[in-house]
Amino acid sequence: MPQHKFSIDMTCESCSNAVTRILNKLGRVQYEINLPNKKVCIESEHSVGTLLETLRKTGETVTYLGLS
């Protein structure tokens, strides 16, 4: 399964929790959130577009960094 890296402008635990909620809601993903570095690695068969659209629902700035 591809592993995608994203940068998300997370500033606190609440931001991290928002990412957790929306990814769990999307389903069929495994992920790791690195709050200090503002990065999220996601293993998923979902398209990059779907993942970006989902992550942007947090209201934070999201940038796709590529495959791990």
PDB file of N, CA and C in Angstrom:
ATOM      1  N   MET A   1       0.852  -1.171   0.000  1.00  0.00           N
ATOM      2  CA  MET A   1       0.000   0.000   0.000  1.00  0.00           C
ATOM      3  C   MET A   1       0.904   1.243   0.000  1.00  0.00           C
ATOM      4  N   PRO A   2       0.609   2.226  -0.845  1.00  0.00           N
ATOM      5  CA  PRO A   2       1.446   3.425  -0.890  1.00  0.00           C
ATOM      6  C   PRO A   2       1.389   4.210   0.417  1.00  0.00           C
ATOM      7  N   GLN A   3       2.527   4.805   0.773  1.00  0.00           N
ATOM      8  CA  GLN A   3       2.585   5.658   1.961  1.00  0.00           C
ATOM      9  C   GLN A   3       2.851   7.091   1.508  1.00  0.00           C
ATOM     10  N   HIS A   4       1.900   7.966   1.807  1.00  0.00           N
ATOM     11  CA  HIS A   4       1.962   9.364   1.391  1.00  0.00           C
ATOM     12  C   HIS A   4       2.319  10.249   2.574  1.00  0.00           C
ATOM     13  N   LYS A   5       3.138  11.279   2.301  1.00  0.00           N
ATOM     14  CA  LYS A   5       3.515  12.234   3.342  1.00  0.00           C
ATOM     15  C   LYS A   5       2.850  13.575   3.079  1.00  0.00           C
ATOM     16  N   PHE A   6       2.344  14.164   4.152  1.00  0.00           N
ATOM     17  CA  PHE A   6       1.709  15.475   4.073  1.00  0.00           C
ATOM     18  C   PHE A   6       2.264  16.374   5.165  1.00  0.00           C
ATOM     19  N   SER A   7       2.337  17.652   4.860  1.00  0.00           N
ATOM     20  CA  SER A   7       2.642  18.666   5.860  1.00  0.00           C
ATOM     21  C   SER A   7       1.320  19.352   6.186  1.00  0.00           C
ATOM     22  N   ILE A   8       1.016  19.459   7.481  1.00  0.00           N
ATOM     23  CA  ILE A   8      -0.234  20.097   7.919  1.00  0.00           C
ATOM     24  C   ILE A   8       0.116  21.114   8.989  1.00  0.00           C
ATOM     25  N   ASP A   9      -0.431  22.307   8.872  1.00  0.00           N
ATOM     26  CA  ASP A   9      -0.128  23.379   9.808  1.00  0.00           C
ATOM     27  C   ASP A   9      -0.834  23.145  11.152  1.00  0.00           C
ATOM     28  N   MET A  10      -0.393  22.083  11.852  1.00  0.00           N
ATOM     29  CA  MET A  10      -0.967  21.740  13.159  1.00  0.00           C
ATOM     30  C   MET A  10      -0.160  22.461  14.238  1.00  0.00           C
ATOM     31  N   THR A  11      -0.856  23.086  15.168  1.00  0.00           N
ATOM     32  CA  THR A  11      -0.157  23.828  16.215  1.00  0.00           C
ATOM     33  C   THR A  11      -0.391  23.266  17.612  1.00  0.00           C
ATOM     34  N   CYS A  12      -1.334  22.331  17.738  1.00  0.00           N
ATOM     35  CA  CYS A  12      -1.652  21.838  19.080  1.00  0.00           C
ATOM     36  C   CYS A  12      -2.266  20.438  19.002  1.00  0.00           C
ATOM     37  N   GLU A  13      -2.496  19.869  20.169  1.00  0.00           N
ATOM     38  CA  GLU A  13      -3.092  18.541  20.260  1.00  0.00           C
ATOM     39  C   GLU A  13      -4.497  18.506  19.658  1.00  0.00           C
ATOM     40  N   SER A  14      -5.207  19.612  19.772  1.00  0.00           N
ATOM     41  CA  SER A  14      -6.550  19.694  19.197  1.00  0.00           C
ATOM     42  C   SER A  14      -6.498  19.538  17.675  1.00  0.00           C
ATOM     43  N   CYS A  15      -5.497  20.139  17.048  1.00  0.00           N
ATOM     44  CA  CYS A  15      -5.314  20.000  15.590  1.00  0.00           C
ATOM     45  C   CYS A  15      -5.034  18.541  15.231  1.00  0.00           C
ATOM     46  N   SER A  16      -4.167  17.926  16.000  1.00  0.00           N
ATOM     47  CA  SER A  16      -3.828  16.523  15.779  1.00  0.00           C
ATOM     48  C   SER A  16      -5.065  15.639  15.939  1.00  0.00           C
ATOM     49  N   ASN A  17      -5.884  15.932  16.938  1.00  0.00           N
ATOM     50  CA  ASN A  17      -7.119  15.174  17.151  1.00  0.00           C
ATOM     51  C   ASN A  17      -8.084  15.337  15.994  1.00  0.00           C
ATOM     52  N   ALA A  18      -8.124  16.530  15.395  1.00  0.00           N
ATOM     53  CA  ALA A  18      -8.989  16.766  14.236  1.00  0.00           C
ATOM     54  C   ALA A  18      -8.552  15.890  13.061  1.00  0.00           C
ATOM     55  N   VAL A  19      -7.237  15.784  12.846  1.00  0.00           N
ATOM     56  CA  VAL A  19      -6.707  14.934  11.779  1.00  0.00           C
ATOM     57  C   VAL A  19      -7.097  13.477  12.051  1.00  0.00           C
ATOM     58  N   THR A  20      -6.942  13.042  13.277  1.00  0.00           N
ATOM     59  CA  THR A  20      -7.304  11.674  13.659  1.00  0.00           C
ATOM     60  C   THR A  20      -8.780  11.398  13.360  1.00  0.00           C
ATOM     61  N   ARG A  21      -9.647  12.315  13.752  1.00  0.00           N
ATOM     62  CA  ARG A  21     -11.093  12.130  13.541  1.00  0.00           C
ATOM     63  C   ARG A  21     -11.441  11.998  12.059  1.00  0.00           C
ATOM     64  N   ILE A  22     -10.911  12.898  11.232  1.00  0.00           N
ATOM     65  CA  ILE A  22     -11.307  12.849   9.821  1.00  0.00           C
ATOM     66  C   ILE A  22     -10.721  11.645   9.098  1.00  0.00           C
ATOM     67  N   LEU A  23      -9.510  11.219   9.479  1.00  0.00           N
ATOM     68  CA  LEU A  23      -8.933  10.036   8.839  1.00  0.00           C
ATOM     69  C   LEU A  23      -9.666   8.771   9.270  1.00  0.00           C
ATOM     70  N   ASN A  24     -10.058   8.701  10.524  1.00  0.00           N
ATOM     71  CA  ASN A  24     -10.842   7.543  10.982  1.00  0.00           C
ATOM     72  C   ASN A  24     -12.192   7.496  10.282  1.00  0.00           C
ATOM     73  N   LYS A  25     -12.771   8.664  10.054  1.00  0.00           N
ATOM     74  CA  LYS A  25     -14.055   8.739   9.364  1.00  0.00           C
ATOM     75  C   LYS A  25     -13.919   8.294   7.897  1.00  0.00           C
ATOM     76  N   LEU A  26     -12.793   8.650   7.259  1.00  0.00           N
ATOM     77  CA  LEU A  26     -12.547   8.259   5.869  1.00  0.00           C
ATOM     78  C   LEU A  26     -12.445   6.740   5.762  1.00  0.00           C
ATOM     79  N   GLY A  27     -11.726   6.122   6.686  1.00  0.00           N
ATOM     80  CA  GLY A  27     -11.589   4.662   6.698  1.00  0.00           C
ATOM     81  C   GLY A  27     -10.543   4.158   5.723  1.00  0.00           C
ATOM     82  N   ARG A  28     -10.177   2.899   5.909  1.00  0.00           N
ATOM     83  CA  ARG A  28      -9.180   2.212   5.077  1.00  0.00           C
ATOM     84  C   ARG A  28      -7.873   2.975   4.994  1.00  0.00           C
ATOM     85  N   VAL A  29      -7.438   3.514   6.122  1.00  0.00           N
ATOM     86  CA  VAL A  29      -6.154   4.210   6.189  1.00  0.00           C
ATOM     87  C   VAL A  29      -5.413   3.784   7.445  1.00  0.00           C
ATOM     88  N   GLN A  30      -4.099   3.771   7.352  1.00  0.00           N
ATOM     89  CA  GLN A  30      -3.225   3.654   8.507  1.00  0.00           C
ATOM     90  C   GLN A  30      -2.384   4.912   8.472  1.00  0.00           C
ATOM     91  N   TYR A  31      -2.146   5.518   9.619  1.00  0.00           N
ATOM     92  CA  TYR A  31      -1.452   6.796   9.609  1.00  0.00           C
ATOM     93  C   TYR A  31      -0.629   6.997  10.870  1.00  0.00           C
ATOM     94  N   GLU A  32       0.306   7.897  10.750  1.00  0.00           N
ATOM     95  CA  GLU A  32       1.143   8.303  11.867  1.00  0.00           C
ATOM     96  C   GLU A  32       1.219   9.824  11.847  1.00  0.00           C
ATOM     97  N   ILE A  33       0.892  10.446  12.967  1.00  0.00           N
ATOM     98  CA  ILE A  33       0.912  11.896  13.077  1.00  0.00           C
ATOM     99  C   ILE A  33       2.135  12.316  13.880  1.00  0.00           C
ATOM    100  N   ASN A  34       2.914  13.237  13.317  1.00  0.00           N
ATOM    101  CA  ASN A  34       4.085  13.790  14.003  1.00  0.00           C
ATOM    102  C   ASN A  34       3.802  15.269  14.244  1.00  0.00           C
ATOM    103  N   LEU A  35       3.212  15.568  15.388  1.00  0.00           N
ATOM    104  CA  LEU A  35       2.800  16.942  15.696  1.00  0.00           C
ATOM    105  C   LEU A  35       3.971  17.924  15.753  1.00  0.00           C
ATOM    106  N   PRO A  36       5.102  17.598  16.427  1.00  0.00           N
ATOM    107  CA  PRO A  36       6.207  18.572  16.485  1.00  0.00           C
ATOM    108  C   PRO A  36       6.736  18.977  15.105  1.00  0.00           C
ATOM    109  N   ASN A  37       6.740  18.034  14.153  1.00  0.00           N
ATOM    110  CA  ASN A  37       7.236  18.331  12.805  1.00  0.00           C
ATOM    111  C   ASN A  37       6.120  18.690  11.827  1.00  0.00           C
ATOM    112  N   LYS A  38       4.875  18.675  12.314  1.00  0.00           N
ATOM    113  CA  LYS A  38       3.706  19.025  11.509  1.00  0.00           C
ATOM    114  C   LYS A  38       3.573  18.157  10.257  1.00  0.00           C
ATOM    115  N   LYS A  39       3.784  16.839  10.437  1.00  0.00           N
ATOM    116  CA  LYS A  39       3.733  15.901   9.319  1.00  0.00           C
ATOM    117  C   LYS A  39       2.763  14.764   9.626  1.00  0.00           C
ATOM    118  N   VAL A  40       2.171  14.234   8.563  1.00  0.00           N
ATOM    119  CA  VAL A  40       1.313  13.054   8.667  1.00  0.00           C
ATOM    120  C   VAL A  40       1.710  12.101   7.548  1.00  0.00           C
ATOM    121  N   CYS A  41       1.975  10.850   7.903  1.00  0.00           N
ATOM    122  CA  CYS A  41       2.241   9.794   6.917  1.00  0.00           C
ATOM    123  C   CYS A  41       1.008   8.898   6.888  1.00  0.00           C
ATOM    124  N   ILE A  42       0.496   8.678   5.685  1.00  0.00           N
ATOM    125  CA  ILE A  42      -0.736   7.901   5.526  1.00  0.00           C
ATOM    126  C   ILE A  42      -0.506   6.756   4.552  1.00  0.00           C
ATOM    127  N   GLU A  43      -0.818   5.546   4.992  1.00  0.00           N
ATOM    128  CA  GLU A  43      -0.830   4.376   4.104  1.00  0.00           C
ATOM    129  C   GLU A  43      -2.273   4.157   3.694  1.00  0.00           C
ATOM    130  N   SER A  44      -2.520   4.213   2.386  1.00  0.00           N
ATOM    131  CA  SER A  44      -3.890   4.088   1.915  1.00  0.00           C
ATOM    132  C   SER A  44      -3.931   3.854   0.414  1.00  0.00           C
ATOM    133  N   GLU A  45      -4.991   3.209  -0.029  1.00  0.00           N
ATOM    134  CA  GLU A  45      -5.248   3.042  -1.457  1.00  0.00           C
ATOM    135  C   GLU A  45      -6.066   4.210  -2.004  1.00  0.00           C
ATOM    136  N   HIS A  46      -6.523   5.118  -1.116  1.00  0.00           N
ATOM    137  CA  HIS A  46      -7.240   6.310  -1.569  1.00  0.00           C
ATOM    138  C   HIS A  46      -6.298   7.161  -2.422  1.00  0.00           C
ATOM    139  N   SER A  47      -6.854   7.908  -3.357  1.00  0.00           N
ATOM    140  CA  SER A  47      -6.039   8.780  -4.203  1.00  0.00           C
ATOM    141  C   SER A  47      -5.487   9.939  -3.375  1.00  0.00           C
ATOM    142  N   VAL A  48      -4.425  10.552  -3.882  1.00  0.00           N
ATOM    143  CA  VAL A  48      -3.839  11.721  -3.232  1.00  0.00           C
ATOM    144  C   VAL A  48      -4.883  12.831  -3.137  1.00  0.00           C
ATOM    145  N   GLY A  49      -5.671  13.001  -4.191  1.00  0.00           N
ATOM    146  CA  GLY A  49      -6.720  14.022  -4.195  1.00  0.00           C
ATOM    147  C   GLY A  49      -7.725  13.814  -3.079  1.00  0.00           C
ATOM    148  N   THR A  50      -8.145  12.569  -2.878  1.00  0.00           N
ATOM    149  CA  THR A  50      -9.093  12.255  -1.808  1.00  0.00           C
ATOM    150  C   THR A  50      -8.476  12.531  -0.448  1.00  0.00           C
ATOM    151  N   LEU A  51      -7.219  12.142  -0.276  1.00  0.00           N
ATOM    152  CA  LEU A  51      -6.541  12.370   1.006  1.00  0.00           C
ATOM    153  C   LEU A  51      -6.378  13.869   1.276  1.00  0.00           C
ATOM    154  N   LEU A  52      -5.979  14.629   0.249  1.00  0.00           N
ATOM    155  CA  LEU A  52      -5.844  16.082   0.412  1.00  0.00           C
ATOM    156  C   LEU A  52      -7.173  16.727   0.777  1.00  0.00           C
ATOM    157  N   GLU A  53      -8.208  16.365   0.053  1.00  0.00           N
ATOM    158  CA  GLU A  53      -9.542  16.918   0.303  1.00  0.00           C
ATOM    159  C   GLU A  53      -9.993  16.604   1.738  1.00  0.00           C
ATOM    160  N   THR A  54      -9.725  15.393   2.177  1.00  0.00           N
ATOM    161  CA  THR A  54     -10.103  14.982   3.530  1.00  0.00           C
ATOM    162  C   THR A  54      -9.322  15.769   4.575  1.00  0.00           C
ATOM    163  N   LEU A  55      -8.009  15.864   4.402  1.00  0.00           N
ATOM    164  CA  LEU A  55      -7.178  16.578   5.375  1.00  0.00           C
ATOM    165  C   LEU A  55      -7.517  18.066   5.436  1.00  0.00           C
ATOM    166  N   ARG A  56      -7.909  18.634   4.316  1.00  0.00           N
ATOM    167  CA  ARG A  56      -8.250  20.064   4.299  1.00  0.00           C
ATOM    168  C   ARG A  56      -9.527  20.364   5.074  1.00  0.00           C
ATOM    169  N   LYS A  57     -10.314  19.345   5.365  1.00  0.00           N
ATOM    170  CA  LYS A  57     -11.519  19.537   6.176  1.00  0.00           C
ATOM    171  C   LYS A  57     -11.181  19.975   7.601  1.00  0.00           C
ATOM    172  N   THR A  58      -9.911  19.842   7.997  1.00  0.00           N
ATOM    173  CA  THR A  58      -9.494  20.301   9.326  1.00  0.00           C
ATOM    174  C   THR A  58      -9.447  21.824   9.378  1.00  0.00           C
ATOM    175  N   GLY A  59      -9.417  22.472   8.209  1.00  0.00           N
ATOM    176  CA  GLY A  59      -9.309  23.927   8.174  1.00  0.00           C
ATOM    177  C   GLY A  59      -7.867  24.407   8.198  1.00  0.00           C
ATOM    178  N   GLU A  60      -6.930  23.476   8.247  1.00  0.00           N
ATOM    179  CA  GLU A  60      -5.506  23.825   8.279  1.00  0.00           C
ATOM    180  C   GLU A  60      -4.924  23.793   6.859  1.00  0.00           C
ATOM    181  N   THR A  61      -3.782  24.444   6.689  1.00  0.00           N
ATOM    182  CA  THR A  61      -3.070  24.409   5.415  1.00  0.00           C
ATOM    183  C   THR A  61      -2.419  23.038   5.260  1.00  0.00           C
ATOM    184  N   VAL A  62      -2.645  22.391   4.116  1.00  0.00           N
ATOM    185  CA  VAL A  62      -2.130  21.047   3.865  1.00  0.00           C
ATOM    186  C   VAL A  62      -1.313  21.050   2.576  1.00  0.00           C
ATOM    187  N   THR A  63      -0.147  20.416   2.624  1.00  0.00           N
ATOM    188  CA  THR A  63       0.731  20.290   1.460  1.00  0.00           C
ATOM    189  C   THR A  63       1.114  18.831   1.285  1.00  0.00           C
ATOM    190  N   TYR A  64       0.996  18.334   0.049  1.00  0.00           N
ATOM    191  CA  TYR A  64       1.428  16.965  -0.240  1.00  0.00           C
ATOM    192  C   TYR A  64       2.927  16.965  -0.457  1.00  0.00           C
ATOM    193  N   LEU A  65       3.654  16.110   0.260  1.00  0.00           N
ATOM    194  CA  LEU A  65       5.113  16.054   0.181  1.00  0.00           C
ATOM    195  C   LEU A  65       5.625  14.910  -0.683  1.00  0.00           C
ATOM    196  N   GLY A  66       4.740  13.991  -1.060  1.00  0.00           N
ATOM    197  CA  GLY A  66       5.149  12.890  -1.924  1.00  0.00           C
ATOM    198  C   GLY A  66       5.064  11.549  -1.228  1.00  0.00           C
ATOM    199  N   LEU A  67       5.562  10.530  -1.922  1.00  0.00           N
ATOM    200  CA  LEU A  67       5.570   9.181  -1.392  1.00  0.00           C
ATOM    201  C   LEU A  67       6.759   8.984  -0.467  1.00  0.00           C
ATOM    202  N   SER A  68       6.573   8.147   0.545  1.00  0.00           N
ATOM    203  CA  SER A  68       7.662   7.856   1.480  1.00  0.00           C
ATOM    204  C   SER A  68       8.559   6.794   0.903  1.00  0.00           C
TER     205      SER A  68
END
